């Protein structure tokens, strides 16, 4: 009878409505261009043991699902990356403050394929390897696009006006006074008239 009363007492102390959950998430920017650095953070309401970041991009289905699993280990004195997709391994680092229940991921050298949906799935800490904690996840949308630039060219048109002239030589024996178009050599100035046309 006494063991039954003790069991009932302990069960009455458990708040079944108090489940593990992610209470906030952040990202350093809303949209990115290739080459920039992305920082994502999820924060839970209590201590976590596992934090799995999963990435998918519907525009690049051939990339598939890429993930990085982080685990808090008492023996290692903190958080370590347990496994990470080969395309992300060299560009990923842990960020966030575990004492503040944060799980953070920083990715350098962003590529267009890194855009899409990033999901953090956090699992609450349970003492012992025989028990698994509650899980909660949060999706974060990330845009990575090349910046489009518009170049305006200004064109300047310059018009040159050149003066043309025609030389006429009037011959004395030309009774009617008709003018004959001829080329005259420099220095020959007898009976010459110059007419300039603008």
Protein backbone atom coordinates (compact mmCIF):
# COMPACT_ATOMS: atom_id res chain seq x y z
CA UNK A 1 0.00 0.00 0.00
CA UNK A 2 2.82 2.42 0.86
CA UNK A 3 4.62 1.95 -2.52
CA UNK A 4 1.34 2.69 -4.30
CA UNK A 5 0.88 5.93 -2.31
CA UNK A 6 4.45 7.00 -3.09
CA UNK A 7 3.89 6.33 -6.81
CA UNK A 8 0.65 8.35 -6.78
CA UNK A 9 2.42 11.21 -4.99
CA UNK A 10 5.23 11.38 -7.57
CA UNK A 11 2.80 11.20 -10.47
CA UNK A 12 0.86 14.11 -9.01
CA UNK A 13 4.03 16.22 -9.04
CA UNK A 14 4.54 15.80 -12.79
CA UNK A 15 3.16 18.61 -14.92
CA UNK A 16 2.17 16.83 -18.11
CA UNK A 17 1.41 20.11 -19.89
CA UNK A 18 4.96 21.34 -19.48
CA UNK A 19 6.56 19.91 -22.65
CA UNK A 20 9.88 20.83 -24.17
CA UNK A 21 9.65 23.45 -26.93
CA UNK A 22 11.57 26.00 -28.97
CA UNK A 23 10.68 29.47 -27.72
CA UNK A 24 12.55 31.65 -30.22
CA UNK A 25 14.76 31.61 -33.29
CA UNK A 26 16.91 34.18 -35.08
CA UNK A 27 18.85 34.70 -38.27
CA UNK A 28 21.36 37.48 -38.84
CA UNK A 29 19.80 38.63 -42.16
CA UNK A 30 16.66 37.93 -44.17
CA UNK A 31 18.38 37.57 -47.54
CA UNK A 32 21.94 36.95 -48.61
CA UNK A 33 24.22 37.05 -51.62
CA UNK A 34 26.76 34.30 -52.36
CA UNK A 35 29.92 34.53 -50.27
CA UNK A 36 28.26 35.98 -47.16
CA UNK A 37 27.94 34.29 -43.74
CA UNK A 38 24.69 32.89 -42.36
CA UNK A 39 24.05 32.52 -38.62
CA UNK A 40 20.99 30.68 -37.36
CA UNK A 41 19.98 30.13 -33.73
CA UNK A 42 17.17 28.27 -31.98
CA UNK A 43 16.47 28.65 -28.27
CA UNK A 44 14.58 26.10 -26.17
CA UNK A 45 12.80 26.55 -22.84
CA UNK A 46 15.10 24.06 -21.07
CA UNK A 47 18.37 22.15 -21.57
CA UNK A 48 18.79 20.20 -24.79
CA UNK A 49 20.90 17.18 -25.66
CA UNK A 50 20.60 16.91 -29.44
CA UNK A 51 20.17 19.62 -32.05
CA UNK A 52 19.72 18.61 -35.68
CA UNK A 53 19.88 21.19 -38.47
CA UNK A 54 18.26 19.97 -41.72
CA UNK A 55 18.42 21.85 -45.01
CA UNK A 56 16.26 21.42 -48.13
CA UNK A 57 15.90 23.56 -51.23
CA UNK A 58 12.99 22.87 -53.59
CA UNK A 59 14.75 24.76 -56.41
CA UNK A 60 17.77 22.43 -56.17
CA UNK A 61 16.22 19.01 -55.56
CA UNK A 62 19.42 17.29 -56.66
CA UNK A 63 21.09 18.65 -53.51
CA UNK A 64 18.70 16.56 -51.37
CA UNK A 65 18.55 16.85 -47.59
CA UNK A 66 21.71 18.09 -45.94
CA UNK A 67 22.03 17.97 -42.16
CA UNK A 68 24.34 18.61 -39.24
CA UNK A 69 23.82 16.94 -35.87
CA UNK A 70 25.11 18.57 -32.70
CA UNK A 71 25.18 16.95 -29.28
CA UNK A 72 25.81 18.27 -25.81
CA UNK A 73 28.20 15.94 -23.99
CA UNK A 74 29.14 16.30 -20.37
CA UNK A 75 32.34 14.30 -20.96
CA UNK A 76 33.45 16.72 -23.68
CA UNK A 77 32.41 19.73 -21.64
CA UNK A 78 30.11 21.21 -24.22
CA UNK A 79 28.56 20.93 -27.66
CA UNK A 80 30.23 19.08 -30.52
CA UNK A 81 29.29 18.35 -34.12
CA UNK A 82 28.61 14.62 -34.31
CA UNK A 83 28.02 14.42 -38.05
CA UNK A 84 27.59 16.87 -40.89
CA UNK A 85 26.90 16.62 -44.63
CA UNK A 86 30.11 16.57 -46.69
CA UNK A 87 29.16 19.76 -48.59
CA UNK A 88 28.79 21.66 -45.31
CA UNK A 89 31.54 20.22 -43.09
CA UNK A 90 34.28 22.71 -44.03
CA UNK A 91 31.93 25.73 -43.84
CA UNK A 92 30.03 25.02 -40.61
CA UNK A 93 30.79 26.03 -37.05
CA UNK A 94 28.85 25.89 -33.77
CA UNK A 95 27.42 29.11 -32.41
CA UNK A 96 24.95 30.03 -29.69
CA UNK A 97 25.21 29.79 -25.90
CA UNK A 98 24.35 26.37 -24.49
CA UNK A 99 23.92 27.76 -20.96
CA UNK A 100 21.19 29.94 -22.48
CA UNK A 101 19.58 26.86 -24.14
CA UNK A 102 20.67 28.04 -27.60
CA UNK A 103 21.66 25.88 -30.55
CA UNK A 104 23.38 27.88 -33.26
CA UNK A 105 24.85 27.16 -36.65
CA UNK A 106 27.12 29.45 -38.68
CA UNK A 107 27.80 28.79 -42.37
CA UNK A 108 30.49 30.70 -44.25
CA UNK A 109 30.92 31.14 -48.00
CA UNK A 110 27.22 30.89 -48.80
CA UNK A 111 26.18 29.43 -52.13
CA UNK A 112 22.87 29.86 -53.97
CA UNK A 113 22.05 26.23 -53.13
CA UNK A 114 22.23 27.08 -49.40
CA UNK A 115 19.00 29.03 -49.68
CA UNK A 116 15.69 27.36 -48.87
CA UNK A 117 14.40 25.83 -45.64
CA UNK A 118 16.60 25.31 -42.59
CA UNK A 119 14.96 23.33 -39.80
CA UNK A 120 16.31 23.04 -36.29
CA UNK A 121 15.06 20.03 -34.37
CA UNK A 122 15.96 20.11 -30.69
CA UNK A 123 15.62 17.23 -28.24
CA UNK A 124 15.46 17.90 -24.54
CA UNK A 125 18.14 16.62 -22.23
CA UNK A 126 17.37 13.43 -20.28
CA UNK A 127 19.81 11.87 -17.87
CA UNK A 128 20.98 8.44 -19.01
CA UNK A 129 21.18 6.80 -22.40
CA UNK A 130 18.02 4.77 -21.86
CA UNK A 131 15.64 7.73 -22.05
CA UNK A 132 14.86 10.05 -24.96
CA UNK A 133 13.55 13.53 -24.44
CA UNK A 134 10.75 15.39 -26.19
CA UNK A 135 11.52 16.93 -29.58
CA UNK A 136 10.45 20.20 -31.10
CA UNK A 137 11.37 21.78 -34.44
CA UNK A 138 11.30 25.17 -36.13
CA UNK A 139 11.63 26.08 -39.83
CA UNK A 140 13.59 29.12 -40.97
CA UNK A 141 13.49 30.40 -44.57
CA UNK A 142 16.72 31.67 -46.08
CA UNK A 143 17.16 33.42 -49.44
CA UNK A 144 20.53 33.39 -51.21
CA UNK A 145 20.48 35.15 -54.59
CA UNK A 146 22.85 37.01 -56.85
CA UNK A 147 22.29 40.74 -56.66
CA UNK A 148 21.00 42.22 -59.90
CA UNK A 149 22.48 45.55 -60.88
CA UNK A 150 21.16 48.11 -63.34
CA UNK A 151 23.69 50.16 -65.29
CA UNK A 152 22.61 53.42 -66.94
CA UNK A 153 24.75 54.63 -69.81
CA UNK A 154 24.73 58.30 -70.79
CA UNK A 155 25.39 59.08 -74.44
CA UNK A 156 26.67 62.44 -75.65
CA UNK A 157 26.24 63.44 -79.30
CA UNK A 158 28.44 66.18 -80.70
CA UNK A 159 27.73 67.75 -84.07
CA UNK A 160 30.51 69.53 -85.94
CA UNK A 161 29.72 72.17 -88.54
CA UNK A 162 32.38 72.61 -91.15
CA UNK A 163 32.59 75.57 -93.51
CA UNK A 164 32.87 74.84 -97.17
CA UNK A 165 33.96 77.26 -99.77
CA UNK A 166 34.06 77.34 -103.51
CA UNK A 167 36.47 79.50 -105.45
CA UNK A 168 35.33 81.14 -108.65
CA UNK A 169 37.53 82.71 -111.27
CA UNK A 170 36.05 85.49 -113.34
CA UNK A 171 37.50 85.85 -116.80
CA UNK A 172 37.68 89.32 -118.30
CA UNK A 173 36.52 88.14 -121.65
CA UNK A 174 33.35 86.59 -120.14
CA UNK A 175 30.87 89.14 -121.44
CA UNK A 176 27.82 87.66 -119.76
CA UNK A 177 29.61 87.60 -116.42
CA UNK A 178 29.11 83.89 -116.03
CA UNK A 179 31.19 82.28 -113.31
CA UNK A 180 33.20 79.17 -114.02
CA UNK A 181 33.91 76.77 -111.18
CA UNK A 182 37.62 76.04 -111.24
CA UNK A 183 40.34 75.08 -108.84
CA UNK A 184 42.92 77.78 -108.42
CA UNK A 185 46.38 77.31 -107.16
CA UNK A 186 47.66 79.27 -104.21
CA UNK A 187 49.39 82.45 -105.25
CA UNK A 188 47.35 82.95 -108.46
CA UNK A 189 45.27 85.97 -107.53
CA UNK A 190 44.51 87.59 -110.87
CA UNK A 191 40.84 88.40 -111.23
CA UNK A 192 39.79 85.95 -108.49
CA UNK A 193 36.81 86.21 -106.23
CA UNK A 194 36.28 83.98 -103.21
CA UNK A 195 32.78 83.09 -102.13
CA UNK A 196 32.26 81.44 -98.74
CA UNK A 197 29.15 79.42 -98.08
CA UNK A 198 28.17 78.73 -94.48
